[in-house]
Amino acid sequence: MYGLAISPSLIRRRVREEFERARYVTDVRVADRLILRWHQEFQETLNVWKQEPHVMGMLLQPKVKEKKTFLEKFYIVSCMVFNRHALSDIIVGEG
Protein backbone atom coordinates (compact mmCIF):
# COMPACT_ATOMS: atom_id res chain seq x y z
CA MET A 1 0.00 0.00 0.00
CA TYR A 2 2.86 2.35 0.86
CA GLY A 3 5.80 2.71 -1.49
CA LEU A 4 8.43 2.71 1.23
CA ALA A 5 12.07 2.73 0.21
CA ILE A 6 13.20 0.73 3.23
CA SER A 7 13.74 -2.94 3.77
CA PRO A 8 11.25 -5.20 5.58
CA SER A 9 13.98 -6.10 8.07
CA LEU A 10 14.17 -2.45 9.17
CA ILE A 11 10.41 -2.38 9.69
CA ARG A 12 10.57 -5.57 11.76
CA ARG A 13 13.47 -4.17 13.78
CA ARG A 14 11.58 -0.93 14.59
CA VAL A 15 8.49 -2.88 15.65
CA ARG A 16 10.69 -5.09 17.83
CA GLU A 17 12.28 -1.98 19.40
CA GLU A 18 8.84 -0.70 20.36
CA PHE A 19 8.03 -3.97 22.10
CA GLU A 20 11.43 -4.02 23.80
CA ARG A 21 10.86 -0.50 25.09
CA ALA A 22 7.77 -1.71 26.93
CA ARG A 23 9.35 -4.95 28.09
CA TYR A 24 9.45 -4.10 31.79
CA VAL A 25 5.99 -2.56 32.09
CA THR A 26 4.31 -4.29 35.02
CA ASP A 27 1.23 -2.13 35.54
CA VAL A 28 -1.73 -3.77 33.80
CA ARG A 29 -3.40 -0.45 33.01
CA VAL A 30 -0.27 0.89 31.32
CA ALA A 31 0.14 -2.34 29.35
CA ASP A 32 -3.49 -2.17 28.20
CA ARG A 33 -3.05 1.42 27.13
CA LEU A 34 0.08 0.56 25.15
CA ILE A 35 -1.67 -2.33 23.44
CA LEU A 36 -4.62 -0.13 22.50
CA ARG A 37 -2.33 2.60 21.18
CA TRP A 38 -0.30 0.12 19.09
CA HIS A 39 -3.47 -1.46 17.77
CA GLN A 40 -4.79 1.97 16.79
CA GLU A 41 -1.53 2.81 14.98
CA PHE A 42 -1.67 -0.53 13.17
CA GLN A 43 -5.32 -0.09 12.17
CA GLU A 44 -4.76 3.47 10.91
CA THR A 45 -1.82 2.27 8.84
CA LEU A 46 -3.83 -0.61 7.35
CA ASN A 47 -6.71 1.73 6.51
CA VAL A 48 -4.20 4.01 4.75
CA TRP A 49 -5.26 6.93 6.92
CA LYS A 50 -1.61 7.81 7.35
CA GLN A 51 0.41 9.38 4.63
CA GLU A 52 3.80 8.02 3.60
CA PRO A 53 5.78 10.67 5.57
CA HIS A 54 3.93 9.67 8.75
CA VAL A 55 4.88 6.03 8.31
CA MET A 56 8.49 6.88 7.44
CA GLY A 57 8.70 9.15 10.48
CA MET A 58 7.55 6.35 12.75
CA LEU A 59 10.09 3.98 11.27
CA LEU A 60 13.13 6.22 10.95
CA GLN A 61 12.99 8.51 13.97
CA PRO A 62 14.82 7.24 17.01
CA LYS A 63 12.51 6.99 19.99
CA VAL A 64 15.27 7.41 22.56
CA LYS A 65 15.42 10.96 23.81
CA GLU A 66 18.74 12.31 24.90
CA LYS A 67 18.92 13.37 28.51
CA LYS A 68 20.01 16.98 28.84
CA THR A 69 21.71 18.37 31.89
CA PHE A 70 20.42 21.44 33.65
CA LEU A 71 23.10 23.64 32.08
CA GLU A 72 22.33 22.39 28.55
CA LYS A 73 18.65 23.25 29.04
CA PHE A 74 19.63 26.63 30.50
CA TYR A 75 21.87 27.47 27.56
CA ILE A 76 19.16 26.54 25.07
CA VAL A 77 16.58 28.76 26.78
CA SER A 78 19.10 31.60 27.19
CA CYS A 79 19.95 31.51 23.49
CA MET A 80 16.27 31.56 22.59
CA VAL A 81 15.59 34.58 24.84
CA PHE A 82 18.70 36.42 23.61
CA ASN A 83 17.84 35.80 19.96
CA ARG A 84 14.28 36.98 20.47
CA HIS A 85 15.48 40.25 22.06
CA ALA A 86 18.13 40.74 19.38
CA LEU A 87 15.51 40.19 16.67
CA SER A 88 13.11 42.69 18.24
CA ASP A 89 15.93 45.28 18.46
CA ILE A 90 16.69 44.80 14.77
CA ILE A 91 13.03 45.12 13.80
CA VAL A 92 12.56 48.27 15.90
CA GLY A 93 15.80 49.71 14.56
CA GLU A 94 17.75 49.99 17.81
CA GLY A 95 20.46 47.48 16.86
PDB file of N, CA and C in Angstrom:
ATOM      1  N   MET A   1       0.828  -1.189   0.000  1.00  0.00           N
ATOM      2  CA  MET A   1       0.000   0.000   0.000  1.00  0.00           C
ATOM      3  C   MET A   1       0.878   1.261   0.000  1.00  0.00           C
ATOM      4  N   TYR A   2       1.940   1.225   0.794  1.00  0.00           N
ATOM      5  CA  TYR A   2       2.856   2.352   0.858  1.00  0.00           C
ATOM      6  C   TYR A   2       4.102   1.996   0.059  1.00  0.00           C
ATOM      7  N   GLY A   3       4.583   2.931  -0.722  1.00  0.00           N
ATOM      8  CA  GLY A   3       5.801   2.705  -1.491  1.00  0.00           C
ATOM      9  C   GLY A   3       7.020   3.108  -0.694  1.00  0.00           C
ATOM     10  N   LEU A   4       7.321   2.369   0.351  1.00  0.00           N
ATOM     11  CA  LEU A   4       8.435   2.710   1.234  1.00  0.00           C
ATOM     12  C   LEU A   4       9.749   2.232   0.639  1.00  0.00           C
ATOM     13  N   ALA A   5      10.747   3.066   0.742  1.00  0.00           N
ATOM     14  CA  ALA A   5      12.066   2.727   0.206  1.00  0.00           C
ATOM     15  C   ALA A   5      12.970   2.181   1.304  1.00  0.00           C
ATOM     16  N   ILE A   6      12.408   1.344   2.159  1.00  0.00           N
ATOM     17  CA  ILE A   6      13.196   0.728   3.227  1.00  0.00           C
ATOM     18  C   ILE A   6      12.926  -0.767   3.221  1.00  0.00           C
ATOM     19  N   SER A   7      13.844  -1.486   3.800  1.00  0.00           N
ATOM     20  CA  SER A   7      13.736  -2.940   3.770  1.00  0.00           C
ATOM     21  C   SER A   7      12.741  -3.451   4.822  1.00  0.00           C
ATOM     22  N   PRO A   8      12.151  -4.602   4.580  1.00  0.00           N
ATOM     23  CA  PRO A   8      11.252  -5.195   5.578  1.00  0.00           C
ATOM     24  C   PRO A   8      11.958  -5.506   6.889  1.00  0.00           C
ATOM     25  N   SER A   9      13.254  -5.806   6.828  1.00  0.00           N
ATOM     26  CA  SER A   9      13.979  -6.098   8.066  1.00  0.00           C
ATOM     27  C   SER A   9      14.054  -4.866   8.962  1.00  0.00           C
ATOM     28  N   LEU A  10      14.164  -3.675   8.375  1.00  0.00           N
ATOM     29  CA  LEU A  10      14.172  -2.446   9.173  1.00  0.00           C
ATOM     30  C   LEU A  10      12.818  -2.238   9.838  1.00  0.00           C
ATOM     31  N   ILE A  11      11.758  -2.521   9.122  1.00  0.00           N
ATOM     32  CA  ILE A  11      10.411  -2.383   9.687  1.00  0.00           C
ATOM     33  C   ILE A  11      10.243  -3.346  10.868  1.00  0.00           C
ATOM     34  N   ARG A  12      10.669  -4.593  10.677  1.00  0.00           N
ATOM     35  CA  ARG A  12      10.572  -5.573  11.761  1.00  0.00           C
ATOM     36  C   ARG A  12      11.411  -5.149  12.961  1.00  0.00           C
ATOM     37  N   ARG A  13      12.603  -4.590  12.686  1.00  0.00           N
ATOM     38  CA  ARG A  13      13.475  -4.169  13.781  1.00  0.00           C
ATOM     39  C   ARG A  13      12.842  -3.036  14.570  1.00  0.00           C
ATOM     40  N   ARG A  14      12.206  -2.049  13.883  1.00  0.00           N
ATOM     41  CA  ARG A  14      11.578  -0.928  14.589  1.00  0.00           C
ATOM     42  C   ARG A  14      10.377  -1.404  15.422  1.00  0.00           C
ATOM     43  N   VAL A  15       9.608  -2.347  14.885  1.00  0.00           N
ATOM     44  CA  VAL A  15       8.486  -2.885  15.650  1.00  0.00           C
ATOM     45  C   VAL A  15       9.012  -3.611  16.878  1.00  0.00           C
ATOM     46  N   ARG A  16      10.073  -4.369  16.705  1.00  0.00           N
ATOM     47  CA  ARG A  16      10.693  -5.085  17.829  1.00  0.00           C
ATOM     48  C   ARG A  16      11.202  -4.107  18.886  1.00  0.00           C
ATOM     49  N   GLU A  17      11.798  -2.985  18.454  1.00  0.00           N
ATOM     50  CA  GLU A  17      12.283  -1.977  19.397  1.00  0.00           C
ATOM     51  C   GLU A  17      11.142  -1.409  20.235  1.00  0.00           C
ATOM     52  N   GLU A  18       9.988  -1.208  19.612  1.00  0.00           N
ATOM     53  CA  GLU A  18       8.841  -0.703  20.358  1.00  0.00           C
ATOM     54  C   GLU A  18       8.410  -1.689  21.437  1.00  0.00           C
ATOM     55  N   PHE A  19       8.394  -2.967  21.102  1.00  0.00           N
ATOM     56  CA  PHE A  19       8.035  -3.972  22.097  1.00  0.00           C
ATOM     57  C   PHE A  19       9.100  -4.071  23.187  1.00  0.00           C
ATOM     58  N   GLU A  20      10.349  -3.964  22.817  1.00  0.00           N
ATOM     59  CA  GLU A  20      11.435  -4.025  23.801  1.00  0.00           C
ATOM     60  C   GLU A  20      11.395  -2.832  24.744  1.00  0.00           C
ATOM     61  N   ARG A  21      10.962  -1.679  24.243  1.00  0.00           N
ATOM     62  CA  ARG A  21      10.858  -0.499  25.090  1.00  0.00           C
ATOM     63  C   ARG A  21       9.857  -0.713  26.218  1.00  0.00           C
ATOM     64  N   ALA A  22       8.822  -1.476  25.942  1.00  0.00           N
ATOM     65  CA  ALA A  22       7.771  -1.709  26.933  1.00  0.00           C
ATOM     66  C   ALA A  22       7.946  -3.050  27.635  1.00  0.00           C
ATOM     67  N   ARG A  23       9.101  -3.612  27.549  1.00  0.00           N
ATOM     68  CA  ARG A  23       9.345  -4.946  28.090  1.00  0.00           C
ATOM     69  C   ARG A  23       9.120  -5.045  29.594  1.00  0.00           C
ATOM     70  N   TYR A  24       9.500  -4.025  30.328  1.00  0.00           N
ATOM     71  CA  TYR A  24       9.450  -4.096  31.786  1.00  0.00           C
ATOM     72  C   TYR A  24       8.232  -3.393  32.379  1.00  0.00           C
ATOM     73  N   VAL A  25       7.223  -3.161  31.581  1.00  0.00           N
ATOM     74  CA  VAL A  25       5.987  -2.564  32.090  1.00  0.00           C
ATOM     75  C   VAL A  25       5.253  -3.631  32.892  1.00  0.00           C
ATOM     76  N   THR A  26       4.976  -3.320  34.148  1.00  0.00           N
ATOM     77  CA  THR A  26       4.311  -4.293  35.017  1.00  0.00           C
ATOM     78  C   THR A  26       2.879  -3.877  35.363  1.00  0.00           C
ATOM     79  N   ASP A  27       2.571  -2.605  35.223  1.00  0.00           N
ATOM     80  CA  ASP A  27       1.235  -2.132  35.539  1.00  0.00           C
ATOM     81  C   ASP A  27       0.282  -2.555  34.417  1.00  0.00           C
ATOM     82  N   VAL A  28      -0.781  -3.233  34.783  1.00  0.00           N
ATOM     83  CA  VAL A  28      -1.725  -3.774  33.803  1.00  0.00           C
ATOM     84  C   VAL A  28      -2.408  -2.651  33.025  1.00  0.00           C
ATOM     85  N   ARG A  29      -2.735  -1.562  33.696  1.00  0.00           N
ATOM     86  CA  ARG A  29      -3.403  -0.451  33.014  1.00  0.00           C
ATOM     87  C   ARG A  29      -2.497   0.179  31.961  1.00  0.00           C
ATOM     88  N   VAL A  30      -1.216   0.320  32.289  1.00  0.00           N
ATOM     89  CA  VAL A  30      -0.265   0.885  31.323  1.00  0.00           C
ATOM     90  C   VAL A  30      -0.089  -0.066  30.143  1.00  0.00           C
ATOM     91  N   ALA A  31      -0.005  -1.353  30.423  1.00  0.00           N
ATOM     92  CA  ALA A  31       0.141  -2.344  29.349  1.00  0.00           C
ATOM     93  C   ALA A  31      -1.079  -2.328  28.433  1.00  0.00           C
ATOM     94  N   ASP A  32      -2.274  -2.243  29.008  1.00  0.00           N
ATOM     95  CA  ASP A  32      -3.490  -2.171  28.196  1.00  0.00           C
ATOM     96  C   ASP A  32      -3.510  -0.927  27.321  1.00  0.00           C
ATOM     97  N   ARG A  33      -3.079   0.168  27.894  1.00  0.00           N
ATOM     98  CA  ARG A  33      -3.048   1.416  27.127  1.00  0.00           C
ATOM     99  C   ARG A  33      -2.055   1.324  25.968  1.00  0.00           C
ATOM    100  N   LEU A  34      -0.898   0.729  26.218  1.00  0.00           N
ATOM    101  CA  LEU A  34       0.082   0.555  25.147  1.00  0.00           C
ATOM    102  C   LEU A  34      -0.452  -0.344  24.046  1.00  0.00           C
ATOM    103  N   ILE A  35      -1.098  -1.410  24.434  1.00  0.00           N
ATOM    104  CA  ILE A  35      -1.666  -2.331  23.436  1.00  0.00           C
ATOM    105  C   ILE A  35      -2.719  -1.625  22.598  1.00  0.00           C
ATOM    106  N   LEU A  36      -3.592  -0.857  23.238  1.00  0.00           N
ATOM    107  CA  LEU A  36      -4.625  -0.130  22.500  1.00  0.00           C
ATOM    108  C   LEU A  36      -4.016   0.908  21.554  1.00  0.00           C
ATOM    109  N   ARG A  37      -2.975   1.595  22.031  1.00  0.00           N
ATOM    110  CA  ARG A  37      -2.330   2.598  21.177  1.00  0.00           C
ATOM    111  C   ARG A  37      -1.670   1.941  19.977  1.00  0.00           C
ATOM    112  N   TRP A  38      -0.956   0.820  20.196  1.00  0.00           N
ATOM    113  CA  TRP A  38      -0.296   0.123  19.093  1.00  0.00           C
ATOM    114  C   TRP A  38      -1.320  -0.438  18.111  1.00  0.00           C
ATOM    115  N   HIS A  39      -2.428  -0.937  18.642  1.00  0.00           N
ATOM    116  CA  HIS A  39      -3.467  -1.456  17.767  1.00  0.00           C
ATOM    117  C   HIS A  39      -4.066  -0.331  16.922  1.00  0.00           C
ATOM    118  N   GLN A  40      -4.266   0.834  17.527  1.00  0.00           N
ATOM    119  CA  GLN A  40      -4.794   1.975  16.792  1.00  0.00           C
ATOM    120  C   GLN A  40      -3.824   2.395  15.691  1.00  0.00           C
ATOM    121  N   GLU A  41      -2.532   2.460  15.996  1.00  0.00           N
ATOM    122  CA  GLU A  41      -1.528   2.806  14.981  1.00  0.00           C
ATOM    123  C   GLU A  41      -1.564   1.801  13.835  1.00  0.00           C
ATOM    124  N   PHE A  42      -1.634   0.533  14.173  1.00  0.00           N
ATOM    125  CA  PHE A  42      -1.673  -0.528  13.174  1.00  0.00           C
ATOM    126  C   PHE A  42      -2.908  -0.407  12.294  1.00  0.00           C
ATOM    127  N   GLN A  43      -4.071  -0.182  12.912  1.00  0.00           N
ATOM    128  CA  GLN A  43      -5.316  -0.087  12.165  1.00  0.00           C
ATOM    129  C   GLN A  43      -5.323   1.132  11.249  1.00  0.00           C
ATOM    130  N   GLU A  44      -4.820   2.269  11.744  1.00  0.00           N
ATOM    131  CA  GLU A  44      -4.762   3.474  10.915  1.00  0.00           C
ATOM    132  C   GLU A  44      -3.825   3.286   9.729  1.00  0.00           C
ATOM    133  N   THR A  45      -2.748   2.536   9.937  1.00  0.00           N
ATOM    134  CA  THR A  45      -1.822   2.267   8.844  1.00  0.00           C
ATOM    135  C   THR A  45      -2.466   1.339   7.817  1.00  0.00           C
ATOM    136  N   LEU A  46      -3.163   0.299   8.283  1.00  0.00           N
ATOM    137  CA  LEU A  46      -3.833  -0.611   7.352  1.00  0.00           C
ATOM    138  C   LEU A  46      -4.944   0.075   6.561  1.00  0.00           C
ATOM    139  N   ASN A  47      -5.634   1.013   7.192  1.00  0.00           N
ATOM    140  CA  ASN A  47      -6.708   1.735   6.513  1.00  0.00           C
ATOM    141  C   ASN A  47      -6.184   2.825   5.588  1.00  0.00           C
ATOM    142  N   VAL A  48      -4.887   2.987   5.546  1.00  0.00           N
ATOM    143  CA  VAL A  48      -4.205   4.007   4.747  1.00  0.00           C
ATOM    144  C   VAL A  48      -4.700   5.398   5.130  1.00  0.00           C
ATOM    145  N   TRP A  49      -4.903   5.614   6.411  1.00  0.00           N
ATOM    146  CA  TRP A  49      -5.261   6.926   6.917  1.00  0.00           C
ATOM    147  C   TRP A  49      -4.016   7.755   7.161  1.00  0.00           C
ATOM    148  N   LYS A  50      -2.876   7.109   7.175  1.00  0.00           N
ATOM    149  CA  LYS A  50      -1.610   7.811   7.352  1.00  0.00           C
ATOM    150  C   LYS A  50      -0.990   8.028   5.987  1.00  0.00           C
ATOM    151  N   GLN A  51      -0.303   9.136   5.869  1.00  0.00           N
ATOM    152  CA  GLN A  51       0.415   9.378   4.630  1.00  0.00           C
ATOM    153  C   GLN A  51       1.812   8.781   4.751  1.00  0.00           C
ATOM    154  N   GLU A  52       2.483   8.652   3.623  1.00  0.00           N
ATOM    155  CA  GLU A  52       3.798   8.023   3.604  1.00  0.00           C
ATOM    156  C   GLU A  52       4.804   8.707   4.542  1.00  0.00           C
ATOM    157  N   PRO A  53       4.841  10.048   4.627  1.00  0.00           N
ATOM    158  CA  PRO A  53       5.783  10.668   5.572  1.00  0.00           C
ATOM    159  C   PRO A  53       5.517  10.299   7.025  1.00  0.00           C
ATOM    160  N   HIS A  54       4.246  10.071   7.381  1.00  0.00           N
ATOM    161  CA  HIS A  54       3.934   9.670   8.754  1.00  0.00           C
ATOM    162  C   HIS A  54       4.522   8.301   9.055  1.00  0.00           C
ATOM    163  N   VAL A  55       4.368   7.389   8.117  1.00  0.00           N
ATOM    164  CA  VAL A  55       4.876   6.033   8.313  1.00  0.00           C
ATOM    165  C   VAL A  55       6.403   6.053   8.362  1.00  0.00           C
ATOM    166  N   MET A  56       7.022   6.803   7.452  1.00  0.00           N
ATOM    167  CA  MET A  56       8.486   6.885   7.439  1.00  0.00           C
ATOM    168  C   MET A  56       8.996   7.522   8.723  1.00  0.00           C
ATOM    169  N   GLY A  57       8.296   8.517   9.234  1.00  0.00           N
ATOM    170  CA  GLY A  57       8.696   9.154  10.482  1.00  0.00           C
ATOM    171  C   GLY A  57       8.663   8.187  11.651  1.00  0.00           C
ATOM    172  N   MET A  58       7.641   7.342  11.683  1.00  0.00           N
ATOM    173  CA  MET A  58       7.548   6.347  12.755  1.00  0.00           C
ATOM    174  C   MET A  58       8.690   5.351  12.663  1.00  0.00           C
ATOM    175  N   LEU A  59       9.084   5.016  11.450  1.00  0.00           N
ATOM    176  CA  LEU A  59      10.094   3.976  11.266  1.00  0.00           C
ATOM    177  C   LEU A  59      11.518   4.498  11.383  1.00  0.00           C
ATOM    178  N   LEU A  60      11.768   5.731  11.016  1.00  0.00           N
ATOM    179  CA  LEU A  60      13.134   6.217  10.948  1.00  0.00           C
ATOM    180  C   LEU A  60      13.557   7.074  12.129  1.00  0.00           C
ATOM    181  N   GLN A  61      12.612   7.660  12.844  1.00  0.00           N
ATOM    182  CA  GLN A  61      12.986   8.514  13.966  1.00  0.00           C
ATOM    183  C   GLN A  61      13.347   7.670  15.174  1.00  0.00           C
ATOM    184  N   PRO A  62      14.487   7.966  15.789  1.00  0.00           N
ATOM    185  CA  PRO A  62      14.817   7.235  17.012  1.00  0.00           C
ATOM    186  C   PRO A  62      13.886   7.662  18.142  1.00  0.00           C
ATOM    187  N   LYS A  63      13.439   6.703  18.910  1.00  0.00           N
ATOM    188  CA  LYS A  63      12.510   6.991  19.995  1.00  0.00           C
ATOM    189  C   LYS A  63      13.222   7.326  21.306  1.00  0.00           C
ATOM    190  N   VAL A  64      14.517   7.139  21.343  1.00  0.00           N
ATOM    191  CA  VAL A  64      15.274   7.407  22.561  1.00  0.00           C
ATOM    192  C   VAL A  64      15.581   8.896  22.611  1.00  0.00           C
ATOM    193  N   LYS A  65      15.146   9.537  23.644  1.00  0.00           N
ATOM    194  CA  LYS A  65      15.419  10.958  23.809  1.00  0.00           C
ATOM    195  C   LYS A  65      16.690  11.124  24.624  1.00  0.00           C
ATOM    196  N   GLU A  66      17.512  12.061  24.189  1.00  0.00           N
ATOM    197  CA  GLU A  66      18.744  12.314  24.905  1.00  0.00           C
ATOM    198  C   GLU A  66      18.437  13.080  26.178  1.00  0.00           C
ATOM    199  N   LYS A  67      19.080  12.673  27.252  1.00  0.00           N
ATOM    200  CA  LYS A  67      18.918  13.374  28.514  1.00  0.00           C
ATOM    201  C   LYS A  67      19.820  14.595  28.499  1.00  0.00           C
ATOM    202  N   LYS A  68      19.243  15.750  28.794  1.00  0.00           N
ATOM    203  CA  LYS A  68      20.010  16.979  28.842  1.00  0.00           C
ATOM    204  C   LYS A  68      20.235  17.372  30.292  1.00  0.00           C
ATOM    205  N   THR A  69      21.407  17.890  30.547  1.00  0.00           N
ATOM    206  CA  THR A  69      21.706  18.367  31.888  1.00  0.00           C
ATOM    207  C   THR A  69      21.023  19.708  32.097  1.00  0.00           C
ATOM    208  N   PHE A  70      21.038  20.156  33.329  1.00  0.00           N
ATOM    209  CA  PHE A  70      20.422  21.438  33.652  1.00  0.00           C
ATOM    210  C   PHE A  70      21.070  22.566  32.859  1.00  0.00           C
ATOM    211  N   LEU A  71      22.402  22.561  32.787  1.00  0.00           N
ATOM    212  CA  LEU A  71      23.096  23.636  32.075  1.00  0.00           C
ATOM    213  C   LEU A  71      22.787  23.627  30.584  1.00  0.00           C
ATOM    214  N   GLU A  72      22.669  22.452  29.971  1.00  0.00           N
ATOM    215  CA  GLU A  72      22.325  22.393  28.554  1.00  0.00           C
ATOM    216  C   GLU A  72      20.947  22.996  28.304  1.00  0.00           C
ATOM    217  N   LYS A  73      19.994  22.672  29.167  1.00  0.00           N
ATOM    218  CA  LYS A  73      18.654  23.253  29.042  1.00  0.00           C
ATOM    219  C   LYS A  73      18.703  24.765  29.241  1.00  0.00           C
ATOM    220  N   PHE A  74      19.503  25.204  30.219  1.00  0.00           N
ATOM    221  CA  PHE A  74      19.627  26.630  30.505  1.00  0.00           C
ATOM    222  C   PHE A  74      20.202  27.378  29.314  1.00  0.00           C
ATOM    223  N   TYR A  75      21.251  26.819  28.713  1.00  0.00           N
ATOM    224  CA  TYR A  75      21.869  27.473  27.555  1.00  0.00           C
ATOM    225  C   TYR A  75      20.906  27.559  26.380  1.00  0.00           C
ATOM    226  N   ILE A  76      20.122  26.529  26.165  1.00  0.00           N
ATOM    227  CA  ILE A  76      19.158  26.545  25.066  1.00  0.00           C
ATOM    228  C   ILE A  76      18.125  27.654  25.281  1.00  0.00           C
ATOM    229  N   VAL A  77      17.582  27.739  26.489  1.00  0.00           N
ATOM    230  CA  VAL A  77      16.579  28.765  26.783  1.00  0.00           C
ATOM    231  C   VAL A  77      17.206  30.152  26.724  1.00  0.00           C
ATOM    232  N   SER A  78      18.422  30.297  27.228  1.00  0.00           N
ATOM    233  CA  SER A  78      19.095  31.596  27.193  1.00  0.00           C
ATOM    234  C   SER A  78      19.320  32.054  25.768  1.00  0.00           C
ATOM    235  N   CYS A  79      19.732  31.154  24.908  1.00  0.00           N
ATOM    236  CA  CYS A  79      19.946  31.511  23.495  1.00  0.00           C
ATOM    237  C   CYS A  79      18.641  31.918  22.841  1.00  0.00           C
ATOM    238  N   MET A  80      17.563  31.225  23.183  1.00  0.00           N
ATOM    239  CA  MET A  80      16.271  31.556  22.593  1.00  0.00           C
ATOM    240  C   MET A  80      15.827  32.951  23.032  1.00  0.00           C
ATOM    241  N   VAL A  81      15.992  33.269  24.315  1.00  0.00           N
ATOM    242  CA  VAL A  81      15.588  34.580  24.836  1.00  0.00           C
ATOM    243  C   VAL A  81      16.467  35.662  24.228  1.00  0.00           C
ATOM    244  N   PHE A  82      17.781  35.433  24.180  1.00  0.00           N
ATOM    245  CA  PHE A  82      18.705  36.417  23.614  1.00  0.00           C
ATOM    246  C   PHE A  82      18.380  36.681  22.151  1.00  0.00           C
ATOM    247  N   ASN A  83      18.146  35.631  21.384  1.00  0.00           N
ATOM    248  CA  ASN A  83      17.842  35.798  19.964  1.00  0.00           C
ATOM    249  C   ASN A  83      16.530  36.534  19.744  1.00  0.00           C
ATOM    250  N   ARG A  84      15.553  36.296  20.608  1.00  0.00           N
ATOM    251  CA  ARG A  84      14.278  36.983  20.473  1.00  0.00           C
ATOM    252  C   ARG A  84      14.448  38.482  20.735  1.00  0.00           C
ATOM    253  N   HIS A  85      15.248  38.834  21.770  1.00  0.00           N
ATOM    254  CA  HIS A  85      15.482  40.247  22.062  1.00  0.00           C
ATOM    255  C   HIS A  85      16.312  40.897  20.964  1.00  0.00           C
ATOM    256  N   ALA A  86      17.303  40.190  20.453  1.00  0.00           N
ATOM    257  CA  ALA A  86      18.126  40.736  19.378  1.00  0.00           C
ATOM    258  C   ALA A  86      17.282  40.965  18.131  1.00  0.00           C
ATOM    259  N   LEU A  87      16.380  40.056  17.833  1.00  0.00           N
ATOM    260  CA  LEU A  87      15.512  40.192  16.668  1.00  0.00           C
ATOM    261  C   LEU A  87      14.577  41.368  16.834  1.00  0.00           C
ATOM    262  N   SER A  88      14.015  41.554  18.036  1.00  0.00           N
ATOM    263  CA  SER A  88      13.106  42.687  18.239  1.00  0.00           C
ATOM    264  C   SER A  88      13.862  44.002  18.149  1.00  0.00           C
ATOM    265  N   ASP A  89      15.143  44.054  18.584  1.00  0.00           N
ATOM    266  CA  ASP A  89      15.934  45.278  18.462  1.00  0.00           C
ATOM    267  C   ASP A  89      16.199  45.586  17.000  1.00  0.00           C
ATOM    268  N   ILE A  90      16.445  44.576  16.184  1.00  0.00           N
ATOM    269  CA  ILE A  90      16.694  44.796  14.767  1.00  0.00           C
ATOM    270  C   ILE A  90      15.440  45.293  14.077  1.00  0.00           C
ATOM    271  N   ILE A  91      14.291  44.723  14.426  1.00  0.00           N
ATOM    272  CA  ILE A  91      13.032  45.123  13.802  1.00  0.00           C
ATOM    273  C   ILE A  91      12.679  46.564  14.179  1.00  0.00           C
ATOM    274  N   VAL A  92      12.889  46.925  15.451  1.00  0.00           N
ATOM    275  CA  VAL A  92      12.559  48.270  15.902  1.00  0.00           C
ATOM    276  C   VAL A  92      13.583  49.277  15.358  1.00  0.00           C
ATOM    277  N   GLY A  93      14.793  48.833  15.113  1.00  0.00           N
ATOM    278  CA  GLY A  93      15.804  49.708  14.564  1.00  0.00           C
ATOM    279  C   GLY A  93      16.794  50.209  15.598  1.00  0.00           C
ATOM    280  N   GLU A  94      16.837  49.568  16.765  1.00  0.00           N
ATOM    281  CA  GLU A  94      17.745  49.986  17.811  1.00  0.00           C
ATOM    282  C   GLU A  94      19.094  49.293  17.703  1.00  0.00           C
ATOM    283  N   GLY A  95      19.237  48.248  16.893  1.00  0.00           N
ATOM    284  CA  GLY A  95      20.458  47.477  16.860  1.00  0.00           C
ATOM    285  C   GLY A  95      21.200  47.705  15.619  1.00  0.00           C
TER     286      GLY A  95
END
